[in-house]
Amino acid sequence: EYGRLSPSQQMRAMWRDAGLTFAVGVGDSPMINVMMGKCVGGSSTL
């Protein structure tokens, strides 16, 4: 199934927060997009 999904479909189905998880920068630090899986197999699949 995930092999047939488009990237946007796959992000909604398997990424945590559809890939929109962040670490908030403090001080002179960037906002960091932290992508991780939320599915059977976790980030290993991604």
All heavy atoms as atom14 arrays in JSON, in Angstrom:
{
  "sequence": "EYGRLSPSQQMRAMWRDAGLTFAVGVGDSPMINVMMGKCVGGSSTL",
  "atom14_mask": [
    [1, 1, 1, 1, 1, 1, 1, 1, 1, 0, 0, 0, 0, 0],
    [1, 1, 1, 1, 1, 1, 1, 1, 1, 1, 1, 1, 0, 0],
    [1, 1, 1, 1, 0, 0, 0, 0, 0, 0, 0, 0, 0, 0],
    [1, 1, 1, 1, 1, 1, 1, 1, 1, 1, 1, 0, 0, 0],
    [1, 1, 1, 1, 1, 1, 1, 1, 0, 0, 0, 0, 0, 0],
    [1, 1, 1, 1, 1, 1, 0, 0, 0, 0, 0, 0, 0, 0],
    [1, 1, 1, 1, 1, 1, 1, 0, 0, 0, 0, 0, 0, 0],
    [1, 1, 1, 1, 1, 1, 0, 0, 0, 0, 0, 0, 0, 0],
    [1, 1, 1, 1, 1, 1, 1, 1, 1, 0, 0, 0, 0, 0],
    [1, 1, 1, 1, 1, 1, 1, 1, 1, 0, 0, 0, 0, 0],
    [1, 1, 1, 1, 1, 1, 1, 1, 0, 0, 0, 0, 0, 0],
    [1, 1, 1, 1, 1, 1, 1, 1, 1, 1, 1, 0, 0, 0],
    [1, 1, 1, 1, 1, 0, 0, 0, 0, 0, 0, 0, 0, 0],
    [1, 1, 1, 1, 1, 1, 1, 1, 0, 0, 0, 0, 0, 0],
    [1, 1, 1, 1, 1, 1, 1, 1, 1, 1, 1, 1, 1, 1],
    [1, 1, 1, 1, 1, 1, 1, 1, 1, 1, 1, 0, 0, 0],
    [1, 1, 1, 1, 1, 1, 1, 1, 0, 0, 0, 0, 0, 0],
    [1, 1, 1, 1, 1, 0, 0, 0, 0, 0, 0, 0, 0, 0],
    [1, 1, 1, 1, 0, 0, 0, 0, 0, 0, 0, 0, 0, 0],
    [1, 1, 1, 1, 1, 1, 1, 1, 0, 0, 0, 0, 0, 0],
    [1, 1, 1, 1, 1, 1, 1, 0, 0, 0, 0, 0, 0, 0],
    [1, 1, 1, 1, 1, 1, 1, 1, 1, 1, 1, 0, 0, 0],
    [1, 1, 1, 1, 1, 0, 0, 0, 0, 0, 0, 0, 0, 0],
    [1, 1, 1, 1, 1, 1, 1, 0, 0, 0, 0, 0, 0, 0],
    [1, 1, 1, 1, 0, 0, 0, 0, 0, 0, 0, 0, 0, 0],
    [1, 1, 1, 1, 1, 1, 1, 0, 0, 0, 0, 0, 0, 0],
    [1, 1, 1, 1, 0, 0, 0, 0, 0, 0, 0, 0, 0, 0],
    [1, 1, 1, 1, 1, 1, 1, 1, 0, 0, 0, 0, 0, 0],
    [1, 1, 1, 1, 1, 1, 0, 0, 0, 0, 0, 0, 0, 0],
    [1, 1, 1, 1, 1, 1, 1, 0, 0, 0, 0, 0, 0, 0],
    [1, 1, 1, 1, 1, 1, 1, 1, 0, 0, 0, 0, 0, 0],
    [1, 1, 1, 1, 1, 1, 1, 1, 0, 0, 0, 0, 0, 0],
    [1, 1, 1, 1, 1, 1, 1, 1, 0, 0, 0, 0, 0, 0],
    [1, 1, 1, 1, 1, 1, 1, 0, 0, 0, 0, 0, 0, 0],
    [1, 1, 1, 1, 1, 1, 1, 1, 0, 0, 0, 0, 0, 0],
    [1, 1, 1, 1, 1, 1, 1, 1, 0, 0, 0, 0, 0, 0],
    [1, 1, 1, 1, 0, 0, 0, 0, 0, 0, 0, 0, 0, 0],
    [1, 1, 1, 1, 1, 1, 1, 1, 1, 0, 0, 0, 0, 0],
    [1, 1, 1, 1, 1, 1, 0, 0, 0, 0, 0, 0, 0, 0],
    [1, 1, 1, 1, 1, 1, 1, 0, 0, 0, 0, 0, 0, 0],
    [1, 1, 1, 1, 0, 0, 0, 0, 0, 0, 0, 0, 0, 0],
    [1, 1, 1, 1, 0, 0, 0, 0, 0, 0, 0, 0, 0, 0],
    [1, 1, 1, 1, 1, 1, 0, 0, 0, 0, 0, 0, 0, 0],
    [1, 1, 1, 1, 1, 1, 0, 0, 0, 0, 0, 0, 0, 0],
    [1, 1, 1, 1, 1, 1, 1, 0, 0, 0, 0, 0, 0, 0],
    [1, 1, 1, 1, 1, 1, 1, 1, 0, 0, 0, 0, 0, 0]
  ],
  "atom14_positions": [
    [[0.83, -1.21, 0.0], [0.0, 0.0, 0.0], [0.86, 1.25, 0.0], [0.66, 2.15, -0.84], [-0.94, 0.01, 1.2], [-1.83, 1.25, 1.27], [-2.73, 1.26, 2.49], [-2.94, 0.2, 3.1], [-3.2, 2.36, 2.84], [0.0, 0.0, 0.0], [0.0, 0.0, 0.0], [0.0, 0.0, 0.0], [0.0, 0.0, 0.0], [0.0, 0.0, 0.0]],
    [[1.82, 1.35, 0.93], [2.59, 2.6, 0.98], [3.48, 2.76, -0.25], [3.82, 3.88, -0.64], [3.36, 2.77, 2.28], [4.52, 1.85, 2.61], [5.69, 1.83, 1.85], [4.48, 1.06, 3.76], [6.77, 1.03, 2.2], [5.55, 0.26, 4.12], [6.69, 0.24, 3.34], [7.76, -0.56, 3.7], [0.0, 0.0, 0.0], [0.0, 0.0, 0.0]],
    [[3.81, 1.65, -0.92], [4.59, 1.76, -2.14], [3.84, 2.39, -3.29], [4.44, 2.88, -4.25], [0.0, 0.0, 0.0], [0.0, 0.0, 0.0], [0.0, 0.0, 0.0], [0.0, 0.0, 0.0], [0.0, 0.0, 0.0], [0.0, 0.0, 0.0], [0.0, 0.0, 0.0], [0.0, 0.0, 0.0], [0.0, 0.0, 0.0], [0.0, 0.0, 0.0]],
    [[2.49, 2.43, -3.19], [1.66, 3.02, -4.25], [1.23, 4.44, -3.93], [0.69, 5.12, -4.8], [0.41, 2.16, -4.47], [0.67, 0.77, -5.02], [-0.63, 0.14, -5.51], [-1.63, 0.04, -4.45], [-1.81, -1.02, -3.67], [-1.02, -2.08, -3.82], [-2.74, -1.03, -2.74], [0.0, 0.0, 0.0], [0.0, 0.0, 0.0], [0.0, 0.0, 0.0]],
    [[1.44, 4.89, -2.69], [0.96, 6.21, -2.3], [1.84, 7.32, -2.89], [3.05, 7.15, -3.05], [0.94, 6.34, -0.78], [0.03, 5.39, 0.0], [0.2, 5.61, 1.49], [-1.41, 5.57, -0.41], [0.0, 0.0, 0.0], [0.0, 0.0, 0.0], [0.0, 0.0, 0.0], [0.0, 0.0, 0.0], [0.0, 0.0, 0.0], [0.0, 0.0, 0.0]],
    [[1.22, 8.45, -3.19], [1.99, 9.63, -3.57], [2.69, 10.16, -2.32], [2.28, 9.84, -1.19], [1.08, 10.71, -4.14], [0.24, 11.23, -3.13], [0.0, 0.0, 0.0], [0.0, 0.0, 0.0], [0.0, 0.0, 0.0], [0.0, 0.0, 0.0], [0.0, 0.0, 0.0], [0.0, 0.0, 0.0], [0.0, 0.0, 0.0], [0.0, 0.0, 0.0]],
    [[3.74, 10.98, -2.48], [4.41, 11.52, -1.29], [3.46, 12.22, -0.32], [3.58, 12.04, 0.9], [5.44, 12.49, -1.89], [5.78, 11.88, -3.21], [4.48, 11.31, -3.71], [0.0, 0.0, 0.0], [0.0, 0.0, 0.0], [0.0, 0.0, 0.0], [0.0, 0.0, 0.0], [0.0, 0.0, 0.0], [0.0, 0.0, 0.0], [0.0, 0.0, 0.0]],
    [[2.53, 13.02, -0.82], [1.62, 13.73, 0.08], [0.7, 12.76, 0.81], [0.41, 12.92, 2.0], [0.81, 14.77, -0.68], [0.02, 14.18, -1.7], [0.0, 0.0, 0.0], [0.0, 0.0, 0.0], [0.0, 0.0, 0.0], [0.0, 0.0, 0.0], [0.0, 0.0, 0.0], [0.0, 0.0, 0.0], [0.0, 0.0, 0.0], [0.0, 0.0, 0.0]],
    [[0.22, 11.73, 0.11], [-0.63, 10.73, 0.76], [0.16, 9.97, 1.82], [-0.34, 9.7, 2.92], [-1.16, 9.75, -0.28], [-2.18, 10.33, -1.24], [-2.51, 9.36, -2.37], [-1.64, 8.61, -2.85], [-3.76, 9.35, -2.79], [0.0, 0.0, 0.0], [0.0, 0.0, 0.0], [0.0, 0.0, 0.0], [0.0, 0.0, 0.0], [0.0, 0.0, 0.0]],
    [[1.39, 9.63, 1.48], [2.22, 8.86, 2.38], [2.56, 9.65, 3.64], [2.57, 9.12, 4.75], [3.49, 8.42, 1.63], [4.19, 7.24, 2.23], [5.31, 7.69, 3.15], [5.57, 8.87, 3.31], [5.94, 6.73, 3.77], [0.0, 0.0, 0.0], [0.0, 0.0, 0.0], [0.0, 0.0, 0.0], [0.0, 0.0, 0.0], [0.0, 0.0, 0.0]],
    [[2.8, 10.95, 3.48], [3.09, 11.77, 4.65], [1.9, 11.83, 5.58], [2.04, 11.79, 6.81], [3.52, 13.17, 4.21], [4.88, 13.2, 3.52], [5.35, 14.84, 2.92], [5.86, 15.62, 4.45], [0.0, 0.0, 0.0], [0.0, 0.0, 0.0], [0.0, 0.0, 0.0], [0.0, 0.0, 0.0], [0.0, 0.0, 0.0], [0.0, 0.0, 0.0]],
    [[0.7, 11.93, 5.03], [-0.5, 11.96, 5.88], [-0.73, 10.62, 6.56], [-1.23, 10.58, 7.69], [-1.72, 12.36, 5.04], [-1.71, 13.81, 4.58], [-3.07, 14.24, 4.06], [-3.47, 13.5, 2.88], [-3.18, 13.84, 1.63], [-2.44, 14.92, 1.4], [-3.6, 13.13, 0.61], [0.0, 0.0, 0.0], [0.0, 0.0, 0.0], [0.0, 0.0, 0.0]],
    [[-0.38, 9.54, 5.9], [-0.68, 8.21, 6.43], [0.36, 7.72, 7.43], [0.02, 6.97, 8.35], [-0.78, 7.21, 5.27], [0.0, 0.0, 0.0], [0.0, 0.0, 0.0], [0.0, 0.0, 0.0], [0.0, 0.0, 0.0], [0.0, 0.0, 0.0], [0.0, 0.0, 0.0], [0.0, 0.0, 0.0], [0.0, 0.0, 0.0], [0.0, 0.0, 0.0]],
    [[1.64, 8.14, 7.27], [2.71, 7.48, 8.01], [3.63, 8.42, 8.79], [4.29, 7.98, 9.73], [3.56, 6.64, 7.04], [2.74, 5.56, 6.35], [3.67, 4.67, 5.07], [4.8, 3.72, 6.09], [0.0, 0.0, 0.0], [0.0, 0.0, 0.0], [0.0, 0.0, 0.0], [0.0, 0.0, 0.0], [0.0, 0.0, 0.0], [0.0, 0.0, 0.0]],
    [[3.71, 9.67, 8.4], [4.55, 10.61, 9.15], [3.79, 11.18, 10.35], [2.58, 11.41, 10.27], [4.96, 11.79, 8.26], [6.0, 11.48, 7.22], [5.78, 11.3, 5.89], [7.4, 11.31, 7.43], [6.98, 11.04, 5.24], [7.98, 11.04, 6.17], [8.21, 11.37, 8.56], [9.35, 10.83, 6.01], [9.58, 11.15, 8.4], [10.13, 10.9, 7.14]],
    [[4.47, 11.41, 11.41], [3.86, 12.1, 12.56], [3.55, 13.53, 12.16], [4.38, 14.23, 11.59], [4.79, 12.07, 13.78], [4.16, 12.69, 15.02], [5.0, 12.42, 16.25], [4.99, 11.0, 16.6], [4.03, 10.39, 17.3], [2.97, 11.08, 17.73], [4.1, 9.1, 17.57], [0.0, 0.0, 0.0], [0.0, 0.0, 0.0], [0.0, 0.0, 0.0]],
    [[2.34, 13.96, 12.46], [1.88, 15.32, 12.12], [2.05, 15.61, 10.63], [2.29, 16.76, 10.24], [2.62, 16.38, 12.93], [2.34, 16.27, 14.42], [1.23, 15.85, 14.78], [3.23, 16.61, 15.21], [0.0, 0.0, 0.0], [0.0, 0.0, 0.0], [0.0, 0.0, 0.0], [0.0, 0.0, 0.0], [0.0, 0.0, 0.0], [0.0, 0.0, 0.0]],
    [[1.93, 14.58, 9.8], [2.09, 14.73, 8.35], [3.41, 15.41, 7.98], [3.52, 16.14, 7.01], [0.91, 15.5, 7.75], [0.0, 0.0, 0.0], [0.0, 0.0, 0.0], [0.0, 0.0, 0.0], [0.0, 0.0, 0.0], [0.0, 0.0, 0.0], [0.0, 0.0, 0.0], [0.0, 0.0, 0.0], [0.0, 0.0, 0.0], [0.0, 0.0, 0.0]],
    [[4.44, 15.14, 8.78], [5.75, 15.71, 8.51], [5.95, 17.11, 9.04], [6.96, 17.75, 8.72], [0.0, 0.0, 0.0], [0.0, 0.0, 0.0], [0.0, 0.0, 0.0], [0.0, 0.0, 0.0], [0.0, 0.0, 0.0], [0.0, 0.0, 0.0], [0.0, 0.0, 0.0], [0.0, 0.0, 0.0], [0.0, 0.0, 0.0], [0.0, 0.0, 0.0]],
    [[5.03, 17.62, 9.86], [5.1, 19.0, 10.32], [5.45, 19.1, 11.81], [4.98, 19.98, 12.53], [3.78, 19.72, 10.04], [3.43, 19.87, 8.55], [2.07, 20.52, 8.39], [4.51, 20.66, 7.82], [0.0, 0.0, 0.0], [0.0, 0.0, 0.0], [0.0, 0.0, 0.0], [0.0, 0.0, 0.0], [0.0, 0.0, 0.0], [0.0, 0.0, 0.0]],
    [[6.29, 18.18, 12.29], [6.78, 18.25, 13.65], [8.01, 19.15, 13.7], [8.87, 19.06, 12.83], [7.16, 16.84, 14.15], [6.02, 15.98, 14.05], [7.62, 16.87, 15.6], [0.0, 0.0, 0.0], [0.0, 0.0, 0.0], [0.0, 0.0, 0.0], [0.0, 0.0, 0.0], [0.0, 0.0, 0.0], [0.0, 0.0, 0.0], [0.0, 0.0, 0.0]],
    [[8.08, 20.01, 14.71], [9.18, 20.97, 14.78], [9.81, 21.0, 16.18], [9.16, 20.68, 17.17], [8.69, 22.38, 14.45], [8.4, 22.59, 13.0], [7.13, 22.32, 12.5], [9.38, 23.05, 12.14], [6.85, 22.5, 11.15], [9.11, 23.23, 10.79], [7.85, 22.96, 10.29], [0.0, 0.0, 0.0], [0.0, 0.0, 0.0], [0.0, 0.0, 0.0]],
    [[11.09, 21.38, 16.2], [11.74, 21.8, 17.43], [11.86, 23.32, 17.34], [12.41, 23.85, 16.35], [13.12, 21.16, 17.56], [0.0, 0.0, 0.0], [0.0, 0.0, 0.0], [0.0, 0.0, 0.0], [0.0, 0.0, 0.0], [0.0, 0.0, 0.0], [0.0, 0.0, 0.0], [0.0, 0.0, 0.0], [0.0, 0.0, 0.0], [0.0, 0.0, 0.0]],
    [[11.35, 24.01, 18.32], [11.29, 25.47, 18.29], [12.64, 26.05, 18.66], [13.19, 25.76, 19.73], [10.21, 25.99, 19.26], [10.19, 27.51, 19.28], [8.84, 25.43, 18.87], [0.0, 0.0, 0.0], [0.0, 0.0, 0.0], [0.0, 0.0, 0.0], [0.0, 0.0, 0.0], [0.0, 0.0, 0.0], [0.0, 0.0, 0.0], [0.0, 0.0, 0.0]],
    [[13.2, 26.85, 17.76], [14.5, 27.45, 18.01], [14.45, 28.46, 19.15], [13.54, 29.29, 19.21], [0.0, 0.0, 0.0], [0.0, 0.0, 0.0], [0.0, 0.0, 0.0], [0.0, 0.0, 0.0], [0.0, 0.0, 0.0], [0.0, 0.0, 0.0], [0.0, 0.0, 0.0], [0.0, 0.0, 0.0], [0.0, 0.0, 0.0], [0.0, 0.0, 0.0]],
    [[15.42, 28.38, 20.05], [15.53, 29.31, 21.17], [16.8, 30.12, 20.99], [17.86, 29.59, 20.62], [15.58, 28.54, 22.51], [15.8, 29.5, 23.67], [14.3, 27.73, 22.7], [0.0, 0.0, 0.0], [0.0, 0.0, 0.0], [0.0, 0.0, 0.0], [0.0, 0.0, 0.0], [0.0, 0.0, 0.0], [0.0, 0.0, 0.0], [0.0, 0.0, 0.0]],
    [[16.74, 31.42, 21.26], [17.9, 32.26, 21.04], [18.19, 32.37, 19.55], [17.28, 32.41, 18.72], [0.0, 0.0, 0.0], [0.0, 0.0, 0.0], [0.0, 0.0, 0.0], [0.0, 0.0, 0.0], [0.0, 0.0, 0.0], [0.0, 0.0, 0.0], [0.0, 0.0, 0.0], [0.0, 0.0, 0.0], [0.0, 0.0, 0.0], [0.0, 0.0, 0.0]],
    [[19.45, 32.38, 19.19], [19.83, 32.5, 17.78], [19.92, 31.12, 17.15], [20.96, 30.68, 16.68], [21.17, 33.22, 17.67], [21.49, 33.62, 16.23], [20.54, 33.74, 15.43], [22.68, 33.8, 15.92], [0.0, 0.0, 0.0], [0.0, 0.0, 0.0], [0.0, 0.0, 0.0], [0.0, 0.0, 0.0], [0.0, 0.0, 0.0], [0.0, 0.0, 0.0]],
    [[18.77, 30.44, 17.13], [18.7, 29.06, 16.63], [17.58, 28.93, 15.6], [16.56, 29.62, 15.69], [18.43, 28.08, 17.78], [19.39, 28.22, 18.8], [0.0, 0.0, 0.0], [0.0, 0.0, 0.0], [0.0, 0.0, 0.0], [0.0, 0.0, 0.0], [0.0, 0.0, 0.0], [0.0, 0.0, 0.0], [0.0, 0.0, 0.0], [0.0, 0.0, 0.0]],
    [[17.75, 28.05, 14.63], [16.69, 27.87, 13.62], [15.52, 27.05, 14.16], [15.66, 26.29, 15.12], [17.41, 27.12, 12.5], [18.49, 26.35, 13.2], [18.93, 27.22, 14.35], [0.0, 0.0, 0.0], [0.0, 0.0, 0.0], [0.0, 0.0, 0.0], [0.0, 0.0, 0.0], [0.0, 0.0, 0.0], [0.0, 0.0, 0.0], [0.0, 0.0, 0.0]],
    [[14.38, 27.22, 13.54], [13.26, 26.3, 13.72], [13.61, 25.05, 12.92], [13.98, 25.13, 11.75], [11.97, 26.92, 13.2], [10.76, 26.05, 13.38], [10.06, 26.2, 15.03], [9.23, 27.79, 14.92], [0.0, 0.0, 0.0], [0.0, 0.0, 0.0], [0.0, 0.0, 0.0], [0.0, 0.0, 0.0], [0.0, 0.0, 0.0], [0.0, 0.0, 0.0]],
    [[13.53, 23.87, 13.55], [13.98, 22.65, 12.9], [12.8, 21.72, 12.66], [12.1, 21.32, 13.6], [15.05, 21.93, 13.73], [16.23, 22.88, 14.0], [15.54, 20.67, 13.02], [17.32, 22.29, 14.88], [0.0, 0.0, 0.0], [0.0, 0.0, 0.0], [0.0, 0.0, 0.0], [0.0, 0.0, 0.0], [0.0, 0.0, 0.0], [0.0, 0.0, 0.0]],
    [[12.58, 21.36, 11.41], [11.56, 20.38, 11.05], [12.12, 18.99, 11.36], [13.11, 18.57, 10.78], [11.25, 20.5, 9.56], [10.23, 19.5, 9.06], [10.24, 19.12, 7.89], [9.34, 19.05, 9.92], [0.0, 0.0, 0.0], [0.0, 0.0, 0.0], [0.0, 0.0, 0.0], [0.0, 0.0, 0.0], [0.0, 0.0, 0.0], [0.0, 0.0, 0.0]],
    [[11.49, 18.3, 12.32], [11.96, 16.99, 12.77], [10.96, 15.94, 12.29], [9.88, 15.79, 12.86], [12.12, 16.93, 14.29], [12.74, 15.6, 14.71], [12.99, 18.08, 14.79], [0.0, 0.0, 0.0], [0.0, 0.0, 0.0], [0.0, 0.0, 0.0], [0.0, 0.0, 0.0], [0.0, 0.0, 0.0], [0.0, 0.0, 0.0], [0.0, 0.0, 0.0]],
    [[11.33, 15.23, 11.23], [10.4, 14.27, 10.63], [10.6, 12.89, 11.23], [11.73, 12.43, 11.39], [10.59, 14.24, 9.12], [10.36, 15.6, 8.46], [10.54, 15.57, 6.66], [8.99, 14.8, 6.2], [0.0, 0.0, 0.0], [0.0, 0.0, 0.0], [0.0, 0.0, 0.0], [0.0, 0.0, 0.0], [0.0, 0.0, 0.0], [0.0, 0.0, 0.0]],
    [[9.49, 12.24, 11.6], [9.54, 10.91, 12.18], [8.27, 10.16, 11.85], [7.22, 10.75, 11.57], [9.75, 10.99, 13.7], [8.65, 11.69, 14.46], [9.08, 12.06, 16.18], [9.98, 13.58, 15.98], [0.0, 0.0, 0.0], [0.0, 0.0, 0.0], [0.0, 0.0, 0.0], [0.0, 0.0, 0.0], [0.0, 0.0, 0.0], [0.0, 0.0, 0.0]],
    [[8.36, 8.85, 11.87], [7.22, 8.02, 11.49], [6.24, 7.81, 12.62], [6.6, 7.86, 13.8], [0.0, 0.0, 0.0], [0.0, 0.0, 0.0], [0.0, 0.0, 0.0], [0.0, 0.0, 0.0], [0.0, 0.0, 0.0], [0.0, 0.0, 0.0], [0.0, 0.0, 0.0], [0.0, 0.0, 0.0], [0.0, 0.0, 0.0], [0.0, 0.0, 0.0]],
    [[5.0, 7.55, 12.26], [3.97, 7.11, 13.2], [3.17, 6.03, 12.5], [2.1, 6.26, 11.95], [3.07, 8.26, 13.65], [2.14, 7.86, 14.81], [1.29, 9.02, 15.31], [0.13, 9.3, 14.39], [-0.82, 10.28, 14.97], [0.0, 0.0, 0.0], [0.0, 0.0, 0.0], [0.0, 0.0, 0.0], [0.0, 0.0, 0.0], [0.0, 0.0, 0.0]],
    [[3.72, 4.82, 12.5], [3.14, 3.7, 11.77], [3.86, 2.44, 12.2], [4.89, 2.49, 12.88], [3.3, 3.91, 10.25], [5.03, 4.07, 9.74], [0.0, 0.0, 0.0], [0.0, 0.0, 0.0], [0.0, 0.0, 0.0], [0.0, 0.0, 0.0], [0.0, 0.0, 0.0], [0.0, 0.0, 0.0], [0.0, 0.0, 0.0], [0.0, 0.0, 0.0]],
    [[3.35, 1.3, 11.8], [4.04, 0.04, 12.05], [5.36, 0.06, 11.27], [5.38, 0.29, 10.06], [3.18, -1.16, 11.63], [4.0, -2.45, 11.7], [1.95, -1.27, 12.52], [0.0, 0.0, 0.0], [0.0, 0.0, 0.0], [0.0, 0.0, 0.0], [0.0, 0.0, 0.0], [0.0, 0.0, 0.0], [0.0, 0.0, 0.0], [0.0, 0.0, 0.0]],
    [[6.46, -0.14, 11.97], [7.78, -0.02, 11.37], [8.44, 1.31, 11.66], [9.64, 1.47, 11.45], [0.0, 0.0, 0.0], [0.0, 0.0, 0.0], [0.0, 0.0, 0.0], [0.0, 0.0, 0.0], [0.0, 0.0, 0.0], [0.0, 0.0, 0.0], [0.0, 0.0, 0.0], [0.0, 0.0, 0.0], [0.0, 0.0, 0.0], [0.0, 0.0, 0.0]],
    [[7.65, 2.28, 12.12], [8.19, 3.57, 12.52], [9.01, 4.25, 11.44], [8.79, 4.06, 10.24], [0.0, 0.0, 0.0], [0.0, 0.0, 0.0], [0.0, 0.0, 0.0], [0.0, 0.0, 0.0], [0.0, 0.0, 0.0], [0.0, 0.0, 0.0], [0.0, 0.0, 0.0], [0.0, 0.0, 0.0], [0.0, 0.0, 0.0], [0.0, 0.0, 0.0]],
    [[9.99, 5.03, 11.87], [10.81, 5.79, 10.93], [11.67, 4.9, 10.05], [12.19, 5.36, 9.03], [11.7, 6.76, 11.7], [10.93, 7.69, 12.43], [0.0, 0.0, 0.0], [0.0, 0.0, 0.0], [0.0, 0.0, 0.0], [0.0, 0.0, 0.0], [0.0, 0.0, 0.0], [0.0, 0.0, 0.0], [0.0, 0.0, 0.0], [0.0, 0.0, 0.0]],
    [[11.8, 3.63, 10.43], [12.55, 2.69, 9.58], [11.98, 2.63, 8.17], [12.73, 2.45, 7.2], [12.52, 1.29, 10.21], [13.01, 0.32, 9.33], [0.0, 0.0, 0.0], [0.0, 0.0, 0.0], [0.0, 0.0, 0.0], [0.0, 0.0, 0.0], [0.0, 0.0, 0.0], [0.0, 0.0, 0.0], [0.0, 0.0, 0.0], [0.0, 0.0, 0.0]],
    [[10.67, 2.79, 8.05], [10.03, 2.72, 6.72], [10.27, 4.0, 5.92], [10.02, 4.03, 4.71], [8.51, 2.51, 6.85], [7.93, 3.64, 7.51], [8.2, 1.25, 7.64], [0.0, 0.0, 0.0], [0.0, 0.0, 0.0], [0.0, 0.0, 0.0], [0.0, 0.0, 0.0], [0.0, 0.0, 0.0], [0.0, 0.0, 0.0], [0.0, 0.0, 0.0]],
    [[10.78, 5.06, 6.58], [10.81, 6.39, 5.97], [12.21, 6.99, 5.87], [12.35, 8.12, 5.41], [9.93, 7.34, 6.8], [8.49, 6.83, 7.03], [7.81, 7.68, 8.07], [7.72, 6.82, 5.75], [0.0, 0.0, 0.0], [0.0, 0.0, 0.0], [0.0, 0.0, 0.0], [0.0, 0.0, 0.0], [0.0, 0.0, 0.0], [0.0, 0.0, 0.0]]
  ]
}
